[in-house]
């Protein structure tokens, strides 16, 4: 058994308020939880309207299953045209 831990630094160009940012991130977090059965949390910085950091975790059988989950995560995030991933940090435990 492995644990996939993914940290994403996200930029939201043109986002001017925390309410607007929350309106974009909440549906994304819900979709990741619902569709892929992931644990998703918003991390610091929470006070910047155009930046966000998400922490994502999943328990998988083996690394290949984790890599498959990672591709699905990327696919869902790529569909969000208002978001761009600046940095991705991946760990397996």
PDB file of N, CA and C in Angstrom:
ATOM      1  N   UNK A   1       0.838  -1.170   0.000  1.00  0.00           N
ATOM      2  CA  UNK A   1       0.000   0.000   0.000  1.00  0.00           C
ATOM      3  C   UNK A   1       0.891   1.244   0.000  1.00  0.00           C
ATOM      4  N   UNK A   2       0.472   2.240  -0.760  1.00  0.00           N
ATOM      5  CA  UNK A   2       1.201   3.500  -0.871  1.00  0.00           C
ATOM      6  C   UNK A   2       0.245   4.663  -0.648  1.00  0.00           C
ATOM      7  N   UNK A   3       0.826   5.791  -0.254  1.00  0.00           N
ATOM      8  CA  UNK A   3       0.056   7.031  -0.130  1.00  0.00           C
ATOM      9  C   UNK A   3       0.655   8.039  -1.096  1.00  0.00           C
ATOM     10  N   UNK A   4      -0.180   8.531  -1.975  1.00  0.00           N
ATOM     11  CA  UNK A   4       0.205   9.563  -2.929  1.00  0.00           C
ATOM     12  C   UNK A   4      -0.106  10.908  -2.292  1.00  0.00           C
ATOM     13  N   UNK A   5       0.881  11.781  -2.231  1.00  0.00           N
ATOM     14  CA  UNK A   5       0.693  13.130  -1.688  1.00  0.00           C
ATOM     15  C   UNK A   5       1.113  14.123  -2.762  1.00  0.00           C
ATOM     16  N   UNK A   6       0.173  14.952  -3.140  1.00  0.00           N
ATOM     17  CA  UNK A   6       0.402  15.918  -4.213  1.00  0.00           C
ATOM     18  C   UNK A   6       0.092  17.316  -3.700  1.00  0.00           C
ATOM     19  N   UNK A   7       0.996  18.221  -3.950  1.00  0.00           N
ATOM     20  CA  UNK A   7       0.808  19.625  -3.590  1.00  0.00           C
ATOM     21  C   UNK A   7       0.866  20.442  -4.876  1.00  0.00           C
ATOM     22  N   UNK A   8      -0.154  21.273  -5.096  1.00  0.00           N
ATOM     23  CA  UNK A   8      -0.225  22.069  -6.310  1.00  0.00           C
ATOM     24  C   UNK A   8      -0.267  23.556  -5.972  1.00  0.00           C
ATOM     25  N   UNK A   9       0.642  24.320  -6.559  1.00  0.00           N
ATOM     26  CA  UNK A   9       0.577  25.779  -6.491  1.00  0.00           C
ATOM     27  C   UNK A   9      -0.183  26.228  -7.728  1.00  0.00           C
ATOM     28  N   UNK A  10      -1.254  26.956  -7.505  1.00  0.00           N
ATOM     29  CA  UNK A  10      -2.153  27.324  -8.589  1.00  0.00           C
ATOM     30  C   UNK A  10      -2.234  28.838  -8.704  1.00  0.00           C
ATOM     31  N   UNK A  11      -2.247  29.304  -9.933  1.00  0.00           N
ATOM     32  CA  UNK A  11      -2.461  30.723 -10.215  1.00  0.00           C
ATOM     33  C   UNK A  11      -3.820  30.860 -10.877  1.00  0.00           C
ATOM     34  N   UNK A  12      -4.552  31.901 -10.474  1.00  0.00           N
ATOM     35  CA  UNK A  12      -5.873  32.160 -11.025  1.00  0.00           C
ATOM     36  C   UNK A  12      -5.841  33.568 -11.634  1.00  0.00           C
ATOM     37  N   UNK A  13      -5.407  33.690 -12.880  1.00  0.00           N
ATOM     38  CA  UNK A  13      -5.269  35.010 -13.495  1.00  0.00           C
ATOM     39  C   UNK A  13      -6.607  35.743 -13.546  1.00  0.00           C
ATOM     40  N   UNK A  14      -6.564  37.021 -13.225  1.00  0.00           N
ATOM     41  CA  UNK A  14      -7.763  37.847 -13.306  1.00  0.00           C
ATOM     42  C   UNK A  14      -8.699  37.743 -12.114  1.00  0.00           C
ATOM     43  N   UNK A  15      -8.404  36.885 -11.177  1.00  0.00           N
ATOM     44  CA  UNK A  15      -9.253  36.730  -9.993  1.00  0.00           C
ATOM     45  C   UNK A  15      -8.970  37.895  -9.043  1.00  0.00           C
ATOM     46  N   UNK A  16     -10.022  38.621  -8.670  1.00  0.00           N
ATOM     47  CA  UNK A  16      -9.829  39.833  -7.877  1.00  0.00           C
ATOM     48  C   UNK A  16     -10.312  39.736  -6.439  1.00  0.00           C
ATOM     49  N   UNK A  17     -11.023  38.669  -6.110  1.00  0.00           N
ATOM     50  CA  UNK A  17     -11.553  38.584  -4.744  1.00  0.00           C
ATOM     51  C   UNK A  17     -11.447  37.156  -4.220  1.00  0.00           C
ATOM     52  N   UNK A  18     -11.432  37.045  -2.914  1.00  0.00           N
ATOM     53  CA  UNK A  18     -11.388  35.726  -2.280  1.00  0.00           C
ATOM     54  C   UNK A  18     -12.676  34.956  -2.555  1.00  0.00           C
ATOM     55  N   UNK A  19     -13.783  35.666  -2.654  1.00  0.00           N
ATOM     56  CA  UNK A  19     -15.062  35.022  -2.948  1.00  0.00           C
ATOM     57  C   UNK A  19     -15.044  34.399  -4.347  1.00  0.00           C
ATOM     58  N   UNK A  20     -14.503  35.120  -5.300  1.00  0.00           N
ATOM     59  CA  UNK A  20     -14.386  34.596  -6.664  1.00  0.00           C
ATOM     60  C   UNK A  20     -13.457  33.373  -6.690  1.00  0.00           C
ATOM     61  N   UNK A  21     -12.343  33.453  -5.975  1.00  0.00           N
ATOM     62  CA  UNK A  21     -11.407  32.329  -5.899  1.00  0.00           C
ATOM     63  C   UNK A  21     -12.084  31.111  -5.295  1.00  0.00           C
ATOM     64  N   UNK A  22     -12.803  31.305  -4.203  1.00  0.00           N
ATOM     65  CA  UNK A  22     -13.510  30.209  -3.550  1.00  0.00           C
ATOM     66  C   UNK A  22     -14.542  29.593  -4.502  1.00  0.00           C
ATOM     67  N   UNK A  23     -15.202  30.458  -5.289  1.00  0.00           N
ATOM     68  CA  UNK A  23     -16.179  29.982  -6.263  1.00  0.00           C
ATOM     69  C   UNK A  23     -15.578  29.105  -7.350  1.00  0.00           C
ATOM     70  N   UNK A  24     -14.308  29.297  -7.638  1.00  0.00           N
ATOM     71  CA  UNK A  24     -13.611  28.462  -8.624  1.00  0.00           C
ATOM     72  C   UNK A  24     -13.040  27.191  -7.997  1.00  0.00           C
ATOM     73  N   UNK A  25     -12.506  27.306  -6.786  1.00  0.00           N
ATOM     74  CA  UNK A  25     -11.825  26.170  -6.159  1.00  0.00           C
ATOM     75  C   UNK A  25     -12.776  25.149  -5.537  1.00  0.00           C
ATOM     76  N   UNK A  26     -13.879  25.595  -4.954  1.00  0.00           N
ATOM     77  CA  UNK A  26     -14.787  24.661  -4.287  1.00  0.00           C
ATOM     78  C   UNK A  26     -15.340  23.592  -5.238  1.00  0.00           C
ATOM     79  N   UNK A  27     -15.836  23.967  -6.428  1.00  0.00           N
ATOM     80  CA  UNK A  27     -16.303  22.917  -7.346  1.00  0.00           C
ATOM     81  C   UNK A  27     -15.184  21.963  -7.773  1.00  0.00           C
ATOM     82  N   UNK A  28     -13.979  22.492  -7.942  1.00  0.00           N
ATOM     83  CA  UNK A  28     -12.837  21.648  -8.306  1.00  0.00           C
ATOM     84  C   UNK A  28     -12.540  20.646  -7.194  1.00  0.00           C
ATOM     85  N   UNK A  29     -12.492  21.114  -5.953  1.00  0.00           N
ATOM     86  CA  UNK A  29     -12.219  20.219  -4.821  1.00  0.00           C
ATOM     87  C   UNK A  29     -13.314  19.165  -4.693  1.00  0.00           C
ATOM     88  N   UNK A  30     -14.566  19.569  -4.857  1.00  0.00           N
ATOM     89  CA  UNK A  30     -15.682  18.609  -4.775  1.00  0.00           C
ATOM     90  C   UNK A  30     -15.589  17.565  -5.872  1.00  0.00           C
ATOM     91  N   UNK A  31     -15.235  17.989  -7.082  1.00  0.00           N
ATOM     92  CA  UNK A  31     -15.122  17.053  -8.210  1.00  0.00           C
ATOM     93  C   UNK A  31     -14.008  16.032  -7.965  1.00  0.00           C
ATOM     94  N   UNK A  32     -12.864  16.494  -7.456  1.00  0.00           N
ATOM     95  CA  UNK A  32     -11.761  15.575  -7.161  1.00  0.00           C
ATOM     96  C   UNK A  32     -12.163  14.568  -6.078  1.00  0.00           C
ATOM     97  N   UNK A  33     -12.865  15.051  -5.051  1.00  0.00           N
ATOM     98  CA  UNK A  33     -13.320  14.153  -3.976  1.00  0.00           C
ATOM     99  C   UNK A  33     -14.326  13.145  -4.499  1.00  0.00           C
ATOM    100  N   UNK A  34     -15.308  13.637  -5.245  1.00  0.00           N
ATOM    101  CA  UNK A  34     -16.397  12.785  -5.725  1.00  0.00           C
ATOM    102  C   UNK A  34     -15.930  11.790  -6.794  1.00  0.00           C
ATOM    103  N   UNK A  35     -15.240  12.282  -7.801  1.00  0.00           N
ATOM    104  CA  UNK A  35     -14.891  11.437  -8.947  1.00  0.00           C
ATOM    105  C   UNK A  35     -13.727  10.489  -8.669  1.00  0.00           C
ATOM    106  N   UNK A  36     -12.763  10.920  -7.866  1.00  0.00           N
ATOM    107  CA  UNK A  36     -11.556  10.120  -7.663  1.00  0.00           C
ATOM    108  C   UNK A  36     -11.373   9.640  -6.227  1.00  0.00           C
ATOM    109  N   UNK A  37     -12.307   9.986  -5.348  1.00  0.00           N
ATOM    110  CA  UNK A  37     -12.252   9.568  -3.946  1.00  0.00           C
ATOM    111  C   UNK A  37     -10.931   9.993  -3.286  1.00  0.00           C
ATOM    112  N   UNK A  38     -10.604  11.279  -3.449  1.00  0.00           N
ATOM    113  CA  UNK A  38      -9.365  11.830  -2.918  1.00  0.00           C
ATOM    114  C   UNK A  38      -9.642  12.675  -1.689  1.00  0.00           C
ATOM    115  N   UNK A  39      -8.629  12.886  -0.908  1.00  0.00           N
ATOM    116  CA  UNK A  39      -8.678  13.855   0.167  1.00  0.00           C
ATOM    117  C   UNK A  39      -8.055  15.138  -0.382  1.00  0.00           C
ATOM    118  N   UNK A  40      -8.796  16.244  -0.304  1.00  0.00           N
ATOM    119  CA  UNK A  40      -8.343  17.506  -0.887  1.00  0.00           C
ATOM    120  C   UNK A  40      -8.521  18.619   0.140  1.00  0.00           C
ATOM    121  N   UNK A  41      -7.493  19.436   0.284  1.00  0.00           N
ATOM    122  CA  UNK A  41      -7.560  20.548   1.222  1.00  0.00           C
ATOM    123  C   UNK A  41      -6.849  21.756   0.631  1.00  0.00           C
ATOM    124  N   UNK A  42      -7.379  22.924   0.937  1.00  0.00           N
ATOM    125  CA  UNK A  42      -6.717  24.154   0.529  1.00  0.00           C
ATOM    126  C   UNK A  42      -5.702  24.522   1.599  1.00  0.00           C
ATOM    127  N   UNK A  43      -4.492  24.784   1.183  1.00  0.00           N
ATOM    128  CA  UNK A  43      -3.397  25.129   2.085  1.00  0.00           C
ATOM    129  C   UNK A  43      -3.076  26.613   1.949  1.00  0.00           C
ATOM    130  N   UNK A  44      -2.087  27.067   2.679  1.00  0.00           N
ATOM    131  CA  UNK A  44      -1.660  28.471   2.597  1.00  0.00           C
ATOM    132  C   UNK A  44      -1.097  28.752   1.205  1.00  0.00           C
ATOM    133  N   UNK A  45      -1.165  29.939   0.666  1.00  0.00           N
ATOM    134  CA  UNK A  45      -1.746  31.159   1.212  1.00  0.00           C
ATOM    135  C   UNK A  45      -3.244  31.202   0.931  1.00  0.00           C
ATOM    136  N   UNK A  46      -4.023  31.536   1.905  1.00  0.00           N
ATOM    137  CA  UNK A  46      -5.472  31.620   1.739  1.00  0.00           C
ATOM    138  C   UNK A  46      -5.963  33.053   1.569  1.00  0.00           C
ATOM    139  N   UNK A  47      -5.084  34.011   1.686  1.00  0.00           N
ATOM    140  CA  UNK A  47      -5.511  35.407   1.634  1.00  0.00           C
ATOM    141  C   UNK A  47      -5.163  36.110   0.323  1.00  0.00           C
ATOM    142  N   UNK A  48      -4.681  35.372  -0.657  1.00  0.00           N
ATOM    143  CA  UNK A  48      -4.333  35.945  -1.952  1.00  0.00           C
ATOM    144  C   UNK A  48      -5.396  35.539  -2.974  1.00  0.00           C
ATOM    145  N   UNK A  49      -6.068  36.496  -3.606  1.00  0.00           N
ATOM    146  CA  UNK A  49      -7.142  36.132  -4.527  1.00  0.00           C
ATOM    147  C   UNK A  49      -6.686  35.414  -5.798  1.00  0.00           C
ATOM    148  N   UNK A  50      -5.463  35.648  -6.233  1.00  0.00           N
ATOM    149  CA  UNK A  50      -5.040  35.051  -7.503  1.00  0.00           C
ATOM    150  C   UNK A  50      -4.078  33.865  -7.340  1.00  0.00           C
ATOM    151  N   UNK A  51      -3.875  33.404  -6.127  1.00  0.00           N
ATOM    152  CA  UNK A  51      -2.996  32.252  -5.869  1.00  0.00           C
ATOM    153  C   UNK A  51      -3.686  31.296  -4.911  1.00  0.00           C
ATOM    154  N   UNK A  52      -3.382  30.017  -5.077  1.00  0.00           N
ATOM    155  CA  UNK A  52      -3.924  29.003  -4.172  1.00  0.00           C
ATOM    156  C   UNK A  52      -2.950  27.834  -4.126  1.00  0.00           C
ATOM    157  N   UNK A  53      -3.047  27.056  -3.065  1.00  0.00           N
ATOM    158  CA  UNK A  53      -2.244  25.847  -2.926  1.00  0.00           C
ATOM    159  C   UNK A  53      -3.178  24.755  -2.445  1.00  0.00           C
ATOM    160  N   UNK A  54      -3.210  23.654  -3.199  1.00  0.00           N
ATOM    161  CA  UNK A  54      -4.047  22.522  -2.835  1.00  0.00           C
ATOM    162  C   UNK A  54      -3.174  21.354  -2.409  1.00  0.00           C
ATOM    163  N   UNK A  55      -3.599  20.667  -1.372  1.00  0.00           N
ATOM    164  CA  UNK A  55      -2.980  19.428  -0.939  1.00  0.00           C
ATOM    165  C   UNK A  55      -3.932  18.291  -1.256  1.00  0.00           C
ATOM    166  N   UNK A  56      -3.427  17.264  -1.928  1.00  0.00           N
ATOM    167  CA  UNK A  56      -4.253  16.137  -2.364  1.00  0.00           C
ATOM    168  C   UNK A  56      -3.571  14.854  -1.906  1.00  0.00           C
ATOM    169  N   UNK A  57      -4.371  13.933  -1.359  1.00  0.00           N
ATOM    170  CA  UNK A  57      -3.820  12.661  -0.902  1.00  0.00           C
ATOM    171  C   UNK A  57      -4.728  11.517  -1.335  1.00  0.00           C
ATOM    172  N   UNK A  58      -4.092  10.381  -1.625  1.00  0.00           N
ATOM    173  CA  UNK A  58      -4.835   9.180  -2.009  1.00  0.00           C
ATOM    174  C   UNK A  58      -4.069   7.952  -1.534  1.00  0.00           C
ATOM    175  N   UNK A  59      -4.805   6.956  -1.100  1.00  0.00           N
ATOM    176  CA  UNK A  59      -4.212   5.664  -0.756  1.00  0.00           C
ATOM    177  C   UNK A  59      -4.382   4.767  -1.971  1.00  0.00           C
ATOM    178  N   UNK A  60      -3.268   4.177  -2.435  1.00  0.00           N
ATOM    179  CA  UNK A  60      -3.284   3.332  -3.628  1.00  0.00           C
ATOM    180  C   UNK A  60      -2.583   2.006  -3.333  1.00  0.00           C
ATOM    181  N   UNK A  61      -2.873   1.001  -4.147  1.00  0.00           N
ATOM    182  CA  UNK A  61      -2.270  -0.324  -3.964  1.00  0.00           C
ATOM    183  C   UNK A  61      -0.780  -0.334  -4.260  1.00  0.00           C
ATOM    184  N   UNK A  62      -0.405   0.336  -5.344  1.00  0.00           N
ATOM    185  CA  UNK A  62       0.990   0.341  -5.771  1.00  0.00           C
ATOM    186  C   UNK A  62       1.256   1.611  -6.570  1.00  0.00           C
ATOM    187  N   UNK A  63       2.491   1.849  -6.881  1.00  0.00           N
ATOM    188  CA  UNK A  63       2.879   3.106  -7.530  1.00  0.00           C
ATOM    189  C   UNK A  63       2.204   3.290  -8.892  1.00  0.00           C
ATOM    190  N   UNK A  64       2.036   2.236  -9.644  1.00  0.00           N
ATOM    191  CA  UNK A  64       1.383   2.358 -10.955  1.00  0.00           C
ATOM    192  C   UNK A  64      -0.050   2.868 -10.802  1.00  0.00           C
ATOM    193  N   UNK A  65      -0.739   2.428  -9.759  1.00  0.00           N
ATOM    194  CA  UNK A  65      -2.098   2.920  -9.497  1.00  0.00           C
ATOM    195  C   UNK A  65      -2.050   4.393  -9.114  1.00  0.00           C
ATOM    196  N   UNK A  66      -1.025   4.789  -8.379  1.00  0.00           N
ATOM    197  CA  UNK A  66      -0.854   6.192  -8.023  1.00  0.00           C
ATOM    198  C   UNK A  66      -0.584   7.054  -9.240  1.00  0.00           C
ATOM    199  N   UNK A  67       0.240   6.545 -10.149  1.00  0.00           N
ATOM    200  CA  UNK A  67       0.525   7.278 -11.382  1.00  0.00           C
ATOM    201  C   UNK A  67      -0.743   7.439 -12.222  1.00  0.00           C
ATOM    202  N   UNK A  68      -1.584   6.424 -12.221  1.00  0.00           N
ATOM    203  CA  UNK A  68      -2.860   6.494 -12.930  1.00  0.00           C
ATOM    204  C   UNK A  68      -3.762   7.554 -12.302  1.00  0.00           C
ATOM    205  N   UNK A  69      -3.825   7.581 -10.967  1.00  0.00           N
ATOM    206  CA  UNK A  69      -4.606   8.603 -10.267  1.00  0.00           C
ATOM    207  C   UNK A  69      -4.070   9.996 -10.595  1.00  0.00           C
ATOM    208  N   UNK A  70      -2.760  10.129 -10.634  1.00  0.00           N
ATOM    209  CA  UNK A  70      -2.134  11.421 -10.928  1.00  0.00           C
ATOM    210  C   UNK A  70      -2.558  11.928 -12.307  1.00  0.00           C
ATOM    211  N   UNK A  71      -2.598  11.059 -13.281  1.00  0.00           N
ATOM    212  CA  UNK A  71      -3.030  11.458 -14.629  1.00  0.00           C
ATOM    213  C   UNK A  71      -4.489  11.909 -14.625  1.00  0.00           C
ATOM    214  N   UNK A  72      -5.325  11.229 -13.852  1.00  0.00           N
ATOM    215  CA  UNK A  72      -6.737  11.620 -13.755  1.00  0.00           C
ATOM    216  C   UNK A  72      -6.872  12.977 -13.068  1.00  0.00           C
ATOM    217  N   UNK A  73      -6.077  13.212 -12.037  1.00  0.00           N
ATOM    218  CA  UNK A  73      -6.090  14.506 -11.344  1.00  0.00           C
ATOM    219  C   UNK A  73      -5.697  15.610 -12.318  1.00  0.00           C
ATOM    220  N   UNK A  74      -4.619  15.393 -13.053  1.00  0.00           N
ATOM    221  CA  UNK A  74      -4.156  16.390 -14.025  1.00  0.00           C
ATOM    222  C   UNK A  74      -5.215  16.670 -15.085  1.00  0.00           C
ATOM    223  N   UNK A  75      -5.895  15.622 -15.511  1.00  0.00           N
ATOM    224  CA  UNK A  75      -6.939  15.763 -16.525  1.00  0.00           C
ATOM    225  C   UNK A  75      -8.082  16.648 -16.024  1.00  0.00           C
ATOM    226  N   UNK A  76      -8.512  16.431 -14.800  1.00  0.00           N
ATOM    227  CA  UNK A  76      -9.594  17.243 -14.228  1.00  0.00           C
ATOM    228  C   UNK A  76      -9.153  18.691 -14.079  1.00  0.00           C
ATOM    229  N   UNK A  77      -7.951  18.905 -13.592  1.00  0.00           N
ATOM    230  CA  UNK A  77      -7.459  20.275 -13.395  1.00  0.00           C
ATOM    231  C   UNK A  77      -7.243  20.981 -14.732  1.00  0.00           C
ATOM    232  N   UNK A  78      -6.794  20.251 -15.744  1.00  0.00           N
ATOM    233  CA  UNK A  78      -6.581  20.857 -17.064  1.00  0.00           C
ATOM    234  C   UNK A  78      -7.882  21.359 -17.682  1.00  0.00           C
ATOM    235  N   UNK A  79      -9.013  20.782 -17.286  1.00  0.00           N
ATOM    236  CA  UNK A  79     -10.309  21.229 -17.799  1.00  0.00           C
ATOM    237  C   UNK A  79     -10.726  22.580 -17.218  1.00  0.00           C
ATOM    238  N   UNK A  80     -10.092  22.987 -16.135  1.00  0.00           N
ATOM    239  CA  UNK A  80     -10.388  24.281 -15.505  1.00  0.00           C
ATOM    240  C   UNK A  80      -9.545  25.346 -16.201  1.00  0.00           C
ATOM    241  N   UNK A  81     -10.100  25.987 -17.197  1.00  0.00           N
ATOM    242  CA  UNK A  81      -9.338  26.911 -18.040  1.00  0.00           C
ATOM    243  C   UNK A  81      -8.906  28.186 -17.326  1.00  0.00           C
ATOM    244  N   UNK A  82      -9.560  28.518 -16.226  1.00  0.00           N
ATOM    245  CA  UNK A  82      -9.174  29.747 -15.506  1.00  0.00           C
ATOM    246  C   UNK A  82      -8.016  29.518 -14.555  1.00  0.00           C
ATOM    247  N   UNK A  83      -7.613  28.262 -14.363  1.00  0.00           N
ATOM    248  CA  UNK A  83      -6.528  27.937 -13.438  1.00  0.00           C
ATOM    249  C   UNK A  83      -5.286  27.531 -14.214  1.00  0.00           C
ATOM    250  N   UNK A  84      -4.117  27.857 -13.657  1.00  0.00           N
ATOM    251  CA  UNK A  84      -2.874  27.331 -14.224  1.00  0.00           C
ATOM    252  C   UNK A  84      -2.001  26.838 -13.071  1.00  0.00           C
ATOM    253  N   UNK A  85      -1.447  25.660 -13.242  1.00  0.00           N
ATOM    254  CA  UNK A  85      -0.594  25.064 -12.219  1.00  0.00           C
ATOM    255  C   UNK A  85       0.815  25.614 -12.388  1.00  0.00           C
ATOM    256  N   UNK A  86       1.311  26.262 -11.344  1.00  0.00           N
ATOM    257  CA  UNK A  86       2.655  26.829 -11.369  1.00  0.00           C
ATOM    258  C   UNK A  86       3.700  25.811 -10.950  1.00  0.00           C
ATOM    259  N   UNK A  87       3.363  25.025  -9.933  1.00  0.00           N
ATOM    260  CA  UNK A  87       4.316  24.044  -9.404  1.00  0.00           C
ATOM    261  C   UNK A  87       3.558  22.839  -8.878  1.00  0.00           C
ATOM    262  N   UNK A  88       4.174  21.682  -9.055  1.00  0.00           N
ATOM    263  CA  UNK A  88       3.592  20.424  -8.606  1.00  0.00           C
ATOM    264  C   UNK A  88       4.640  19.676  -7.800  1.00  0.00           C
ATOM    265  N   UNK A  89       4.282  19.302  -6.592  1.00  0.00           N
ATOM    266  CA  UNK A  89       5.167  18.532  -5.718  1.00  0.00           C
ATOM    267  C   UNK A  89       4.530  17.171  -5.459  1.00  0.00           C
ATOM    268  N   UNK A  90       5.210  16.104  -5.786  1.00  0.00           N
ATOM    269  CA  UNK A  90       4.645  14.763  -5.664  1.00  0.00           C
ATOM    270  C   UNK A  90       5.522  13.903  -4.764  1.00  0.00           C
ATOM    271  N   UNK A  91       4.885  13.172  -3.853  1.00  0.00           N
ATOM    272  CA  UNK A  91       5.593  12.245  -2.994  1.00  0.00           C
ATOM    273  C   UNK A  91       4.798  10.957  -2.875  1.00  0.00           C
ATOM    274  N   UNK A  92       5.495   9.867  -2.725  1.00  0.00           N
ATOM    275  CA  UNK A  92       4.883   8.579  -2.390  1.00  0.00           C
ATOM    276  C   UNK A  92       5.429   8.132  -1.054  1.00  0.00           C
ATOM    277  N   UNK A  93       4.592   7.638  -0.186  1.00  0.00           N
ATOM    278  CA  UNK A  93       5.007   7.089   1.098  1.00  0.00           C
ATOM    279  C   UNK A  93       4.668   5.628   1.131  1.00  0.00           C
TER     280      UNK A  93
END
